[in-house]
Protein backbone atom coordinates (compact mmCIF):
# COMPACT_ATOMS: atom_id res chain seq x y z
CA MET A 1 -5.39 -14.80 -6.40
CA THR A 2 -3.53 -13.65 -9.47
CA ILE A 3 -6.00 -10.84 -10.16
CA THR A 4 -4.59 -8.86 -7.24
CA SER A 5 -1.27 -8.75 -9.07
CA PHE A 6 -2.86 -6.51 -11.66
CA GLY A 7 -5.14 -4.58 -9.30
CA PRO A 8 -4.67 -1.32 -7.41
CA ALA A 9 -3.59 -3.25 -4.31
CA ASN A 10 -0.40 -4.26 -6.11
CA ARG A 11 0.30 -0.65 -7.12
CA ILE A 12 -0.21 0.48 -3.53
CA ALA A 13 2.11 -2.24 -2.28
CA ARG A 14 4.78 -1.25 -4.79
CA THR A 15 4.31 2.41 -3.91
CA ALA A 16 4.77 1.63 -0.24
CA GLU A 17 7.97 -0.25 -0.98
CA THR A 18 9.28 2.46 -3.28
CA HIS A 19 8.16 5.46 -1.23
CA PRO A 20 7.98 4.39 2.42
CA LEU A 21 7.56 7.99 3.56
CA THR A 22 4.28 8.45 1.69
CA TRP A 23 2.28 6.32 4.13
CA ARG A 24 1.94 5.57 7.81
CA LEU A 25 -0.02 3.23 10.04
CA ARG A 26 -3.09 4.48 11.87
CA ASP A 27 -3.73 3.64 15.51
CA ASP A 28 -5.85 0.67 14.42
CA GLY A 29 -3.04 -0.66 12.23
CA GLU A 30 -4.56 0.29 8.90
CA PRO A 31 -2.18 1.98 6.43
CA VAL A 32 -2.92 5.59 5.57
CA TRP A 33 -1.83 6.59 2.07
CA LEU A 34 -0.83 10.25 1.84
């Protein structure tokens, strides 16, 4: 889906790649954005 490329999910993905220390994985495997 191309819409995700312009959505907040893409910004979060880019943020995670650019600032890997700003997030961590919870015990259930879901990412926690700090």
